[in-house]
Amino acid sequence: MDGLDYNTQREKLKLMAYGRDIQQMVTACMELATKEERQKAAHTIIDTMKRVVPSQQSYKEREPALWYHLALMSDFKLDIDYPVEIICEDKMAKKPEPVPYSGQLKGGKRYGRLLLGMFDTLKSMPEGEERKALVELVAAQMYRSLIAWGLGAADEEKVVSDLARYTDGVIQVDPSDLSFVVNEGGEGKKGKRNRKK
């Protein structure tokens, strides 16, 4: 109908949280003739943005995000002196370099990096009560990991076998010497697990 203006017919907003009025202010700011005028208008827009989208953060904490949002709403074309560093759009679109995979978890993914580190610790520990207590804790966590990730059979023999394997045969224990402290959901609880006899 003539004279009616619908949002669906308008240009899509860059950041919907600030609304169309702020977007129009940014567009008008870009059209100002001098840099001084644009700079003054940009500070006014930032003050308005603070009120439109309030936050519990202090202005100092929030300032970089507000200026970045201003740059984003102008398609990074607003020619002003930004008081914070603005990451340009072309740098944002650039894919990060792939993180090199060390291969440290190869064959031991089911247990994760922390448990693999514990295996190394166990290998270098002297025999005694401290090592025995750590073996007990590590075995219980291994059992929980097998249950949680559903990787193969979660039984005492598997845990004891893997414990010997990942410690290069240093830790050799009988399953009956360990108390696997888990409940049906895989969460820890006090007391020994009931075993079939």
N, C-alpha and C. Protein backbone atom coordinates (compact mmCIF):
# COMPACT_ATOMS: atom_id res chain seq x y z
N MET A 1 0.84 -1.19 0.00
CA MET A 1 0.00 0.00 0.00
C MET A 1 0.88 1.24 0.00
N ASP A 2 0.42 2.24 -0.69
CA ASP A 2 1.17 3.49 -0.75
C ASP A 2 1.27 4.14 0.63
N GLY A 3 2.46 4.63 0.95
CA GLY A 3 2.66 5.35 2.20
C GLY A 3 3.03 4.48 3.39
N LEU A 4 2.92 3.16 3.26
CA LEU A 4 3.28 2.27 4.36
C LEU A 4 4.71 1.77 4.18
N ASP A 5 5.46 1.73 5.28
CA ASP A 5 6.87 1.33 5.23
C ASP A 5 7.07 0.17 6.20
N TYR A 6 7.37 -1.00 5.68
CA TYR A 6 7.53 -2.19 6.52
C TYR A 6 9.01 -2.51 6.72
N ASN A 7 9.33 -3.04 7.90
CA ASN A 7 10.72 -3.43 8.18
C ASN A 7 11.22 -4.47 7.19
N THR A 8 10.33 -5.32 6.71
CA THR A 8 10.74 -6.37 5.76
C THR A 8 11.21 -5.78 4.44
N GLN A 9 10.80 -4.52 4.17
CA GLN A 9 11.22 -3.87 2.93
C GLN A 9 12.49 -3.05 3.11
N ARG A 10 12.90 -2.90 4.36
CA ARG A 10 14.09 -2.09 4.65
C ARG A 10 15.35 -2.94 4.63
N GLU A 11 16.47 -2.24 4.64
CA GLU A 11 17.76 -2.94 4.68
C GLU A 11 17.90 -3.69 6.01
N LYS A 12 18.47 -4.89 5.95
CA LYS A 12 18.62 -5.72 7.15
C LYS A 12 19.58 -5.05 8.12
N LEU A 13 19.24 -5.11 9.43
CA LEU A 13 20.08 -4.51 10.46
C LEU A 13 21.36 -5.32 10.66
N LYS A 14 22.46 -4.61 10.92
CA LYS A 14 23.72 -5.30 11.18
C LYS A 14 23.70 -5.93 12.58
N LEU A 15 23.24 -5.17 13.57
CA LEU A 15 23.12 -5.65 14.95
C LEU A 15 21.72 -5.32 15.45
N MET A 16 20.88 -6.31 15.54
CA MET A 16 19.48 -6.08 15.88
C MET A 16 19.30 -5.55 17.30
N ALA A 17 20.22 -5.85 18.20
CA ALA A 17 20.08 -5.43 19.60
C ALA A 17 19.97 -3.91 19.73
N TYR A 18 20.62 -3.16 18.84
CA TYR A 18 20.62 -1.71 18.95
C TYR A 18 19.44 -1.05 18.23
N GLY A 19 18.79 -1.78 17.37
CA GLY A 19 17.60 -1.24 16.69
C GLY A 19 17.92 -0.39 15.48
N ARG A 20 16.85 -0.06 14.76
CA ARG A 20 17.00 0.67 13.50
C ARG A 20 17.41 2.13 13.71
N ASP A 21 16.99 2.73 14.83
CA ASP A 21 17.34 4.14 15.06
C ASP A 21 18.85 4.33 15.19
N ILE A 22 19.52 3.44 15.93
CA ILE A 22 20.98 3.53 16.07
C ILE A 22 21.64 3.30 14.72
N GLN A 23 21.12 2.33 13.95
CA GLN A 23 21.69 2.05 12.63
C GLN A 23 21.59 3.29 11.74
N GLN A 24 20.45 3.99 11.82
CA GLN A 24 20.27 5.22 11.03
C GLN A 24 21.21 6.32 11.50
N MET A 25 21.46 6.38 12.81
CA MET A 25 22.41 7.37 13.33
C MET A 25 23.82 7.09 12.78
N VAL A 26 24.20 5.81 12.72
CA VAL A 26 25.52 5.45 12.20
C VAL A 26 25.63 5.84 10.72
N THR A 27 24.56 5.55 9.97
CA THR A 27 24.55 5.90 8.54
C THR A 27 24.67 7.41 8.36
N ALA A 28 23.93 8.17 9.18
CA ALA A 28 24.01 9.64 9.10
C ALA A 28 25.40 10.14 9.49
N CYS A 29 26.01 9.51 10.47
CA CYS A 29 27.36 9.89 10.91
C CYS A 29 28.37 9.71 9.78
N MET A 30 28.23 8.63 9.03
CA MET A 30 29.16 8.37 7.93
C MET A 30 29.07 9.44 6.84
N GLU A 31 27.91 10.09 6.73
CA GLU A 31 27.69 11.08 5.67
C GLU A 31 28.13 12.49 6.07
N LEU A 32 28.56 12.66 7.32
CA LEU A 32 29.02 13.99 7.76
C LEU A 32 30.29 14.38 7.01
N ALA A 33 30.42 15.69 6.75
CA ALA A 33 31.50 16.18 5.87
C ALA A 33 32.89 16.09 6.48
N THR A 34 33.05 16.48 7.76
CA THR A 34 34.39 16.53 8.33
C THR A 34 34.60 15.42 9.36
N LYS A 35 35.87 15.11 9.57
CA LYS A 35 36.22 14.07 10.54
C LYS A 35 35.87 14.50 11.95
N GLU A 36 36.01 15.77 12.24
CA GLU A 36 35.68 16.29 13.57
C GLU A 36 34.20 16.08 13.88
N GLU A 37 33.35 16.36 12.89
CA GLU A 37 31.91 16.17 13.07
C GLU A 37 31.59 14.69 13.28
N ARG A 38 32.23 13.84 12.49
CA ARG A 38 32.00 12.39 12.61
C ARG A 38 32.46 11.89 13.98
N GLN A 39 33.60 12.41 14.45
CA GLN A 39 34.14 11.99 15.74
C GLN A 39 33.18 12.36 16.87
N LYS A 40 32.66 13.58 16.84
CA LYS A 40 31.73 14.05 17.86
C LYS A 40 30.44 13.22 17.81
N ALA A 41 29.94 12.97 16.60
CA ALA A 41 28.72 12.19 16.44
C ALA A 41 28.92 10.75 16.92
N ALA A 42 30.11 10.20 16.67
CA ALA A 42 30.39 8.81 17.08
C ALA A 42 30.33 8.69 18.60
N HIS A 43 30.87 9.67 19.32
CA HIS A 43 30.82 9.64 20.79
C HIS A 43 29.37 9.73 21.29
N THR A 44 28.56 10.52 20.60
CA THR A 44 27.14 10.62 20.96
C THR A 44 26.43 9.29 20.72
N ILE A 45 26.77 8.64 19.61
CA ILE A 45 26.16 7.34 19.29
C ILE A 45 26.55 6.30 20.35
N ILE A 46 27.81 6.31 20.76
CA ILE A 46 28.27 5.36 21.79
C ILE A 46 27.51 5.57 23.09
N ASP A 47 27.30 6.85 23.48
CA ASP A 47 26.53 7.14 24.69
C ASP A 47 25.10 6.61 24.57
N THR A 48 24.52 6.75 23.39
CA THR A 48 23.16 6.25 23.16
C THR A 48 23.13 4.73 23.20
N MET A 49 24.13 4.10 22.61
CA MET A 49 24.20 2.63 22.61
C MET A 49 24.28 2.10 24.04
N LYS A 50 25.01 2.80 24.91
CA LYS A 50 25.12 2.38 26.31
C LYS A 50 23.76 2.36 26.98
N ARG A 51 22.93 3.36 26.64
CA ARG A 51 21.61 3.45 27.27
C ARG A 51 20.61 2.46 26.65
N VAL A 52 20.72 2.24 25.35
CA VAL A 52 19.78 1.33 24.67
C VAL A 52 20.00 -0.11 25.11
N VAL A 53 21.26 -0.51 25.25
CA VAL A 53 21.59 -1.88 25.69
C VAL A 53 22.40 -1.76 26.98
N PRO A 54 21.71 -1.66 28.13
CA PRO A 54 22.43 -1.50 29.39
C PRO A 54 23.18 -2.76 29.79
N SER A 55 24.18 -2.58 30.63
CA SER A 55 24.99 -3.71 31.08
C SER A 55 25.47 -3.43 32.50
N GLN A 56 25.77 -4.50 33.23
CA GLN A 56 26.31 -4.35 34.58
C GLN A 56 27.82 -4.11 34.55
N GLN A 57 28.43 -4.27 33.39
CA GLN A 57 29.86 -4.00 33.26
C GLN A 57 30.11 -2.51 33.36
N SER A 58 31.30 -2.15 33.82
CA SER A 58 31.68 -0.74 33.81
C SER A 58 31.95 -0.32 32.37
N TYR A 59 31.91 1.00 32.12
CA TYR A 59 32.16 1.49 30.76
C TYR A 59 33.54 1.09 30.27
N LYS A 60 34.51 1.09 31.17
CA LYS A 60 35.89 0.74 30.79
C LYS A 60 35.97 -0.69 30.27
N GLU A 61 35.21 -1.60 30.92
CA GLU A 61 35.20 -3.00 30.48
C GLU A 61 34.44 -3.15 29.16
N ARG A 62 33.41 -2.34 29.00
CA ARG A 62 32.50 -2.49 27.88
C ARG A 62 32.90 -1.67 26.65
N GLU A 63 33.76 -0.67 26.86
CA GLU A 63 34.11 0.28 25.79
C GLU A 63 34.60 -0.39 24.51
N PRO A 64 35.55 -1.35 24.55
CA PRO A 64 36.02 -1.95 23.30
C PRO A 64 34.89 -2.57 22.48
N ALA A 65 33.95 -3.26 23.15
CA ALA A 65 32.84 -3.90 22.44
C ALA A 65 31.94 -2.86 21.79
N LEU A 66 31.65 -1.75 22.48
CA LEU A 66 30.78 -0.72 21.92
C LEU A 66 31.39 -0.10 20.66
N TRP A 67 32.68 0.23 20.72
CA TRP A 67 33.34 0.82 19.55
C TRP A 67 33.43 -0.19 18.41
N TYR A 68 33.64 -1.45 18.75
CA TYR A 68 33.68 -2.47 17.70
C TYR A 68 32.30 -2.60 17.04
N HIS A 69 31.23 -2.56 17.85
CA HIS A 69 29.87 -2.64 17.30
C HIS A 69 29.59 -1.45 16.38
N LEU A 70 30.08 -0.29 16.76
CA LEU A 70 29.91 0.90 15.91
C LEU A 70 30.60 0.69 14.56
N ALA A 71 31.82 0.18 14.60
CA ALA A 71 32.56 -0.11 13.36
C ALA A 71 31.82 -1.15 12.51
N LEU A 72 31.28 -2.15 13.17
CA LEU A 72 30.57 -3.22 12.47
C LEU A 72 29.31 -2.69 11.79
N MET A 73 28.58 -1.80 12.50
CA MET A 73 27.34 -1.24 11.91
C MET A 73 27.64 -0.32 10.72
N SER A 74 28.89 0.18 10.64
CA SER A 74 29.25 1.03 9.51
C SER A 74 29.99 0.24 8.44
N ASP A 75 29.98 -1.07 8.56
CA ASP A 75 30.73 -1.93 7.62
C ASP A 75 32.21 -1.57 7.61
N PHE A 76 32.72 -1.09 8.75
CA PHE A 76 34.12 -0.71 8.93
C PHE A 76 34.53 0.44 8.01
N LYS A 77 33.54 1.28 7.62
CA LYS A 77 33.81 2.38 6.70
C LYS A 77 33.75 3.75 7.38
N LEU A 78 33.43 3.78 8.68
CA LEU A 78 33.33 5.06 9.39
C LEU A 78 34.74 5.59 9.65
N ASP A 79 35.05 6.72 9.05
CA ASP A 79 36.39 7.32 9.14
C ASP A 79 36.49 8.22 10.36
N ILE A 80 36.90 7.62 11.49
CA ILE A 80 37.11 8.37 12.74
C ILE A 80 38.36 7.79 13.42
N ASP A 81 38.79 8.45 14.48
CA ASP A 81 39.89 7.93 15.29
C ASP A 81 39.28 7.12 16.44
N TYR A 82 39.35 5.82 16.33
CA TYR A 82 38.78 4.96 17.37
C TYR A 82 39.68 4.96 18.60
N PRO A 83 39.10 5.08 19.79
CA PRO A 83 39.93 5.07 21.01
C PRO A 83 40.42 3.68 21.41
N VAL A 84 39.94 2.65 20.72
CA VAL A 84 40.37 1.27 20.97
C VAL A 84 40.76 0.64 19.65
N GLU A 85 41.50 -0.47 19.72
CA GLU A 85 41.91 -1.16 18.49
C GLU A 85 40.70 -1.88 17.89
N ILE A 86 40.50 -1.69 16.62
CA ILE A 86 39.38 -2.33 15.91
C ILE A 86 39.95 -3.37 14.96
N ILE A 87 39.46 -4.60 15.09
CA ILE A 87 39.87 -5.67 14.18
C ILE A 87 39.05 -5.54 12.91
N CYS A 88 39.72 -5.37 11.80
CA CYS A 88 39.01 -5.17 10.53
C CYS A 88 38.31 -6.44 10.08
N GLU A 89 37.33 -6.25 9.21
CA GLU A 89 36.49 -7.36 8.75
C GLU A 89 37.31 -8.43 8.03
N ASP A 90 38.30 -8.01 7.24
CA ASP A 90 39.09 -8.99 6.49
C ASP A 90 39.90 -9.88 7.42
N LYS A 91 40.35 -9.33 8.57
CA LYS A 91 41.08 -10.15 9.54
C LYS A 91 40.13 -11.10 10.27
N MET A 92 38.88 -10.64 10.48
CA MET A 92 37.89 -11.49 11.14
C MET A 92 37.56 -12.71 10.29
N ALA A 93 37.46 -12.50 8.98
CA ALA A 93 37.05 -13.58 8.09
C ALA A 93 38.17 -14.59 7.87
N LYS A 94 39.40 -14.21 8.18
CA LYS A 94 40.53 -15.11 7.95
C LYS A 94 40.47 -16.29 8.90
N LYS A 95 40.64 -17.48 8.33
CA LYS A 95 40.60 -18.69 9.15
C LYS A 95 41.88 -18.79 9.98
N PRO A 96 41.75 -19.20 11.24
CA PRO A 96 42.96 -19.36 12.05
C PRO A 96 43.77 -20.56 11.55
N GLU A 97 45.05 -20.53 11.85
CA GLU A 97 45.92 -21.65 11.48
C GLU A 97 45.49 -22.89 12.27
N PRO A 98 45.52 -24.06 11.65
CA PRO A 98 45.14 -25.27 12.39
C PRO A 98 46.10 -25.55 13.54
N VAL A 99 45.55 -25.98 14.65
CA VAL A 99 46.37 -26.30 15.82
C VAL A 99 47.03 -27.65 15.57
N PRO A 100 48.35 -27.71 15.67
CA PRO A 100 49.02 -28.99 15.41
C PRO A 100 48.63 -30.03 16.44
N TYR A 101 48.37 -31.23 15.98
CA TYR A 101 48.00 -32.34 16.86
C TYR A 101 49.26 -33.09 17.23
N SER A 102 49.57 -33.12 18.50
CA SER A 102 50.84 -33.70 18.94
C SER A 102 50.88 -35.21 18.81
N GLY A 103 49.71 -35.84 18.80
CA GLY A 103 49.67 -37.30 18.73
C GLY A 103 49.93 -37.95 20.08
N GLN A 104 49.99 -37.12 21.13
CA GLN A 104 50.28 -37.65 22.47
C GLN A 104 49.18 -38.59 22.94
N LEU A 105 47.94 -38.33 22.50
CA LEU A 105 46.81 -39.15 22.96
C LEU A 105 46.57 -40.37 22.08
N LYS A 106 47.39 -40.56 21.07
CA LYS A 106 47.18 -41.66 20.16
C LYS A 106 47.12 -42.98 20.94
N GLY A 107 46.02 -43.69 20.77
CA GLY A 107 45.85 -44.96 21.47
C GLY A 107 45.32 -44.80 22.88
N GLY A 108 45.29 -43.57 23.41
CA GLY A 108 44.83 -43.39 24.78
C GLY A 108 43.75 -42.33 24.89
N LYS A 109 43.05 -42.07 23.78
CA LYS A 109 42.04 -41.01 23.76
C LYS A 109 40.93 -41.26 24.78
N ARG A 110 40.65 -42.52 25.04
CA ARG A 110 39.54 -42.82 25.96
C ARG A 110 39.81 -42.31 27.36
N TYR A 111 41.08 -42.12 27.70
CA TYR A 111 41.42 -41.68 29.05
C TYR A 111 41.78 -40.20 29.13
N GLY A 112 42.24 -39.62 28.08
CA GLY A 112 42.54 -38.19 28.08
C GLY A 112 43.94 -37.87 28.57
N ARG A 113 44.31 -36.61 28.36
CA ARG A 113 45.67 -36.15 28.64
C ARG A 113 46.03 -36.22 30.13
N LEU A 114 45.06 -35.91 31.01
CA LEU A 114 45.38 -35.90 32.44
C LEU A 114 45.73 -37.30 32.95
N LEU A 115 44.93 -38.29 32.54
CA LEU A 115 45.23 -39.65 32.99
C LEU A 115 46.53 -40.16 32.38
N LEU A 116 46.80 -39.79 31.13
CA LEU A 116 48.07 -40.21 30.53
C LEU A 116 49.25 -39.62 31.32
N GLY A 117 49.07 -38.40 31.80
CA GLY A 117 50.09 -37.80 32.65
C GLY A 117 50.25 -38.54 33.97
N MET A 118 49.11 -39.02 34.51
CA MET A 118 49.17 -39.79 35.76
C MET A 118 49.89 -41.12 35.56
N PHE A 119 49.73 -41.71 34.38
CA PHE A 119 50.46 -42.96 34.09
C PHE A 119 51.96 -42.72 34.15
N ASP A 120 52.41 -41.59 33.58
CA ASP A 120 53.84 -41.25 33.62
C ASP A 120 54.30 -41.05 35.06
N THR A 121 53.44 -40.41 35.87
CA THR A 121 53.78 -40.20 37.28
C THR A 121 53.92 -41.53 38.01
N LEU A 122 52.99 -42.43 37.76
CA LEU A 122 53.03 -43.75 38.41
C LEU A 122 54.30 -44.53 38.04
N LYS A 123 54.72 -44.38 36.79
CA LYS A 123 55.92 -45.10 36.34
C LYS A 123 57.15 -44.70 37.14
N SER A 124 57.21 -43.42 37.52
CA SER A 124 58.42 -42.93 38.20
C SER A 124 58.31 -42.95 39.73
N MET A 125 57.17 -43.33 40.26
CA MET A 125 56.99 -43.32 41.72
C MET A 125 57.57 -44.57 42.36
N PRO A 126 58.20 -44.43 43.52
CA PRO A 126 58.67 -45.63 44.23
C PRO A 126 57.49 -46.37 44.85
N GLU A 127 57.67 -47.67 45.06
CA GLU A 127 56.61 -48.46 45.69
C GLU A 127 56.34 -47.94 47.09
N GLY A 128 55.08 -48.07 47.52
CA GLY A 128 54.71 -47.63 48.86
C GLY A 128 53.24 -47.27 48.92
N GLU A 129 52.84 -46.78 50.08
CA GLU A 129 51.43 -46.47 50.30
C GLU A 129 50.94 -45.34 49.39
N GLU A 130 51.81 -44.36 49.13
CA GLU A 130 51.41 -43.23 48.29
C GLU A 130 51.10 -43.69 46.87
N ARG A 131 51.99 -44.55 46.32
CA ARG A 131 51.75 -45.06 44.97
C ARG A 131 50.51 -45.95 44.94
N LYS A 132 50.32 -46.75 45.99
CA LYS A 132 49.15 -47.63 46.07
C LYS A 132 47.86 -46.81 46.06
N ALA A 133 47.85 -45.70 46.81
CA ALA A 133 46.66 -44.84 46.86
C ALA A 133 46.40 -44.18 45.51
N LEU A 134 47.48 -43.76 44.83
CA LEU A 134 47.32 -43.13 43.52
C LEU A 134 46.83 -44.14 42.48
N VAL A 135 47.33 -45.37 42.55
CA VAL A 135 46.87 -46.43 41.65
C VAL A 135 45.37 -46.62 41.82
N GLU A 136 44.91 -46.62 43.07
CA GLU A 136 43.49 -46.79 43.38
C GLU A 136 42.64 -45.68 42.74
N LEU A 137 43.10 -44.44 42.89
CA LEU A 137 42.38 -43.30 42.33
C LEU A 137 42.38 -43.32 40.80
N VAL A 138 43.53 -43.61 40.22
CA VAL A 138 43.65 -43.64 38.76
C VAL A 138 42.78 -44.75 38.18
N ALA A 139 42.80 -45.92 38.80
CA ALA A 139 41.99 -47.04 38.31
C ALA A 139 40.50 -46.70 38.36
N ALA A 140 40.06 -46.06 39.44
CA ALA A 140 38.64 -45.68 39.55
C ALA A 140 38.27 -44.68 38.46
N GLN A 141 39.18 -43.72 38.18
CA GLN A 141 38.89 -42.74 37.14
C GLN A 141 38.90 -43.39 35.75
N MET A 142 39.79 -44.34 35.54
CA MET A 142 39.81 -45.06 34.26
C MET A 142 38.48 -45.79 34.06
N TYR A 143 37.99 -46.40 35.11
CA TYR A 143 36.73 -47.14 35.03
C TYR A 143 35.58 -46.17 34.70
N ARG A 144 35.58 -44.99 35.36
CA ARG A 144 34.54 -43.99 35.09
C ARG A 144 34.62 -43.49 33.65
N SER A 145 35.84 -43.32 33.15
CA SER A 145 36.01 -42.86 31.77
C SER A 145 35.46 -43.87 30.77
N LEU A 146 35.73 -45.14 31.02
CA LEU A 146 35.20 -46.18 30.13
C LEU A 146 33.67 -46.18 30.12
N ILE A 147 33.07 -45.99 31.29
CA ILE A 147 31.61 -45.94 31.37
C ILE A 147 31.08 -44.68 30.67
N ALA A 148 31.69 -43.54 30.97
CA ALA A 148 31.21 -42.25 30.46
C ALA A 148 31.26 -42.18 28.94
N TRP A 149 32.33 -42.66 28.35
CA TRP A 149 32.51 -42.51 26.91
C TRP A 149 32.03 -43.74 26.14
N GLY A 150 31.67 -44.80 26.86
CA GLY A 150 31.14 -45.99 26.20
C GLY A 150 32.11 -46.60 25.20
N LEU A 151 33.39 -46.54 25.54
CA LEU A 151 34.41 -47.05 24.62
C LEU A 151 34.83 -48.46 25.05
N GLY A 152 34.21 -49.43 24.49
CA GLY A 152 34.57 -50.81 24.82
C GLY A 152 33.99 -51.25 26.15
N ALA A 153 34.40 -52.43 26.56
CA ALA A 153 33.89 -53.00 27.80
C ALA A 153 34.46 -52.25 29.00
N ALA A 154 33.59 -51.88 29.93
CA ALA A 154 34.02 -51.23 31.16
C ALA A 154 34.07 -52.28 32.26
N ASP A 155 35.18 -52.97 32.37
CA ASP A 155 35.31 -53.95 33.44
C ASP A 155 36.68 -53.84 34.09
N GLU A 156 36.80 -54.47 35.24
CA GLU A 156 38.03 -54.36 36.03
C GLU A 156 39.25 -54.89 35.28
N GLU A 157 39.05 -55.98 34.55
CA GLU A 157 40.17 -56.58 33.81
C GLU A 157 40.72 -55.63 32.76
N LYS A 158 39.82 -54.91 32.08
CA LYS A 158 40.23 -53.94 31.05
C LYS A 158 41.05 -52.82 31.70
N VAL A 159 40.59 -52.32 32.85
CA VAL A 159 41.30 -51.25 33.55
C VAL A 159 42.69 -51.71 33.97
N VAL A 160 42.78 -52.90 34.57
CA VAL A 160 44.06 -53.43 35.04
C VAL A 160 45.01 -53.66 33.86
N SER A 161 44.46 -54.17 32.76
CA SER A 161 45.26 -54.41 31.56
C SER A 161 45.82 -53.10 31.00
N ASP A 162 44.94 -52.07 30.89
CA ASP A 162 45.37 -50.77 30.37
C ASP A 162 46.35 -50.09 31.32
N LEU A 163 46.13 -50.26 32.61
CA LEU A 163 47.04 -49.68 33.61
C LEU A 163 48.45 -50.22 33.43
N ALA A 164 48.56 -51.53 33.22
CA ALA A 164 49.87 -52.15 32.99
C ALA A 164 50.46 -51.67 31.66
N ARG A 165 49.60 -51.58 30.65
CA ARG A 165 50.04 -51.19 29.31
C ARG A 165 50.58 -49.77 29.28
N TYR A 166 49.83 -48.82 29.86
CA TYR A 166 50.22 -47.41 29.80
C TYR A 166 51.32 -47.05 30.78
N THR A 167 51.63 -47.93 31.72
CA THR A 167 52.76 -47.68 32.63
C THR A 167 53.95 -48.55 32.24
N ASP A 168 53.91 -49.09 31.03
CA ASP A 168 54.99 -49.95 30.51
C ASP A 168 55.28 -51.13 31.44
N GLY A 169 54.22 -51.68 32.03
CA GLY A 169 54.35 -52.86 32.88
C GLY A 169 54.81 -52.59 34.29
N VAL A 170 55.02 -51.32 34.65
CA VAL A 170 55.48 -51.00 36.01
C VAL A 170 54.38 -51.30 37.03
N ILE A 171 53.14 -50.95 36.71
CA ILE A 171 52.02 -51.17 37.64
C ILE A 171 51.31 -52.46 37.25
N GLN A 172 51.48 -53.46 38.07
CA GLN A 172 50.81 -54.76 37.89
C GLN A 172 49.97 -55.02 39.13
N VAL A 173 48.66 -55.01 38.98
CA VAL A 173 47.78 -55.23 40.13
C VAL A 173 46.71 -56.26 39.78
N ASP A 174 46.14 -56.82 40.81
CA ASP A 174 45.04 -57.76 40.65
C ASP A 174 43.74 -56.96 40.77
N PRO A 175 42.75 -57.23 39.92
CA PRO A 175 41.49 -56.48 40.01
C PRO A 175 40.84 -56.55 41.38
N SER A 176 41.01 -57.65 42.07
CA SER A 176 40.38 -57.80 43.39
C SER A 176 41.04 -56.91 44.45
N ASP A 177 42.24 -56.37 44.15
CA ASP A 177 42.92 -55.47 45.09
C ASP A 177 42.44 -54.02 44.98
N LEU A 178 41.61 -53.75 43.98
CA LEU A 178 41.16 -52.38 43.74
C LEU A 178 39.69 -52.23 44.11
N SER A 179 39.32 -51.06 44.60
CA SER A 179 37.89 -50.77 44.82
C SER A 179 37.49 -49.72 43.80
N PHE A 180 36.69 -50.12 42.84
CA PHE A 180 36.24 -49.22 41.79
C PHE A 180 35.06 -48.42 42.34
N VAL A 181 35.34 -47.18 42.72
CA VAL A 181 34.36 -46.35 43.42
C VAL A 181 33.50 -45.63 42.40
N VAL A 182 32.43 -46.30 41.96
CA VAL A 182 31.49 -45.70 41.00
C VAL A 182 30.10 -46.19 41.30
N ASN A 183 29.10 -45.41 40.84
CA ASN A 183 27.73 -45.91 40.89
C ASN A 183 27.26 -46.14 39.47
N GLU A 184 25.99 -46.45 39.28
CA GLU A 184 25.51 -46.81 37.95
C GLU A 184 25.61 -45.67 36.96
N GLY A 185 25.49 -44.43 37.44
CA GLY A 185 25.56 -43.28 36.55
C GLY A 185 26.98 -42.86 36.24
N GLY A 186 27.98 -43.56 36.80
CA GLY A 186 29.37 -43.21 36.54
C GLY A 186 29.91 -42.19 37.52
N GLU A 187 29.07 -41.71 38.46
CA GLU A 187 29.54 -40.72 39.43
C GLU A 187 30.09 -41.44 40.65
N GLY A 188 31.04 -40.78 41.29
CA GLY A 188 31.67 -41.41 42.44
C GLY A 188 30.75 -41.51 43.64
N LYS A 189 30.93 -42.57 44.42
CA LYS A 189 30.24 -42.67 45.70
C LYS A 189 31.10 -43.50 46.62
N LYS A 190 30.91 -43.40 47.90
CA LYS A 190 31.73 -44.12 48.85
C LYS A 190 31.36 -45.59 48.87
N GLY A 191 32.37 -46.40 49.15
CA GLY A 191 32.11 -47.84 49.29
C GLY A 191 32.59 -48.60 48.10
N LYS A 192 32.82 -49.91 48.31
CA LYS A 192 33.32 -50.74 47.24
C LYS A 192 32.18 -51.16 46.33
N ARG A 193 32.51 -51.36 45.08
CA ARG A 193 31.54 -51.80 44.11
C ARG A 193 31.26 -53.28 44.31
N ASN A 194 29.99 -53.65 44.19
CA ASN A 194 29.65 -55.07 44.35
C ASN A 194 30.16 -55.86 43.18
N ARG A 195 30.88 -56.91 43.46
CA ARG A 195 31.40 -57.77 42.39
C ARG A 195 30.69 -59.10 42.41
N LYS A 196 30.61 -59.69 41.23
CA LYS A 196 30.07 -61.05 41.15
C LYS A 196 31.13 -62.02 41.65
N LYS A 197 30.73 -62.94 42.46
CA LYS A 197 31.68 -63.92 42.98
C LYS A 197 31.47 -65.26 42.35
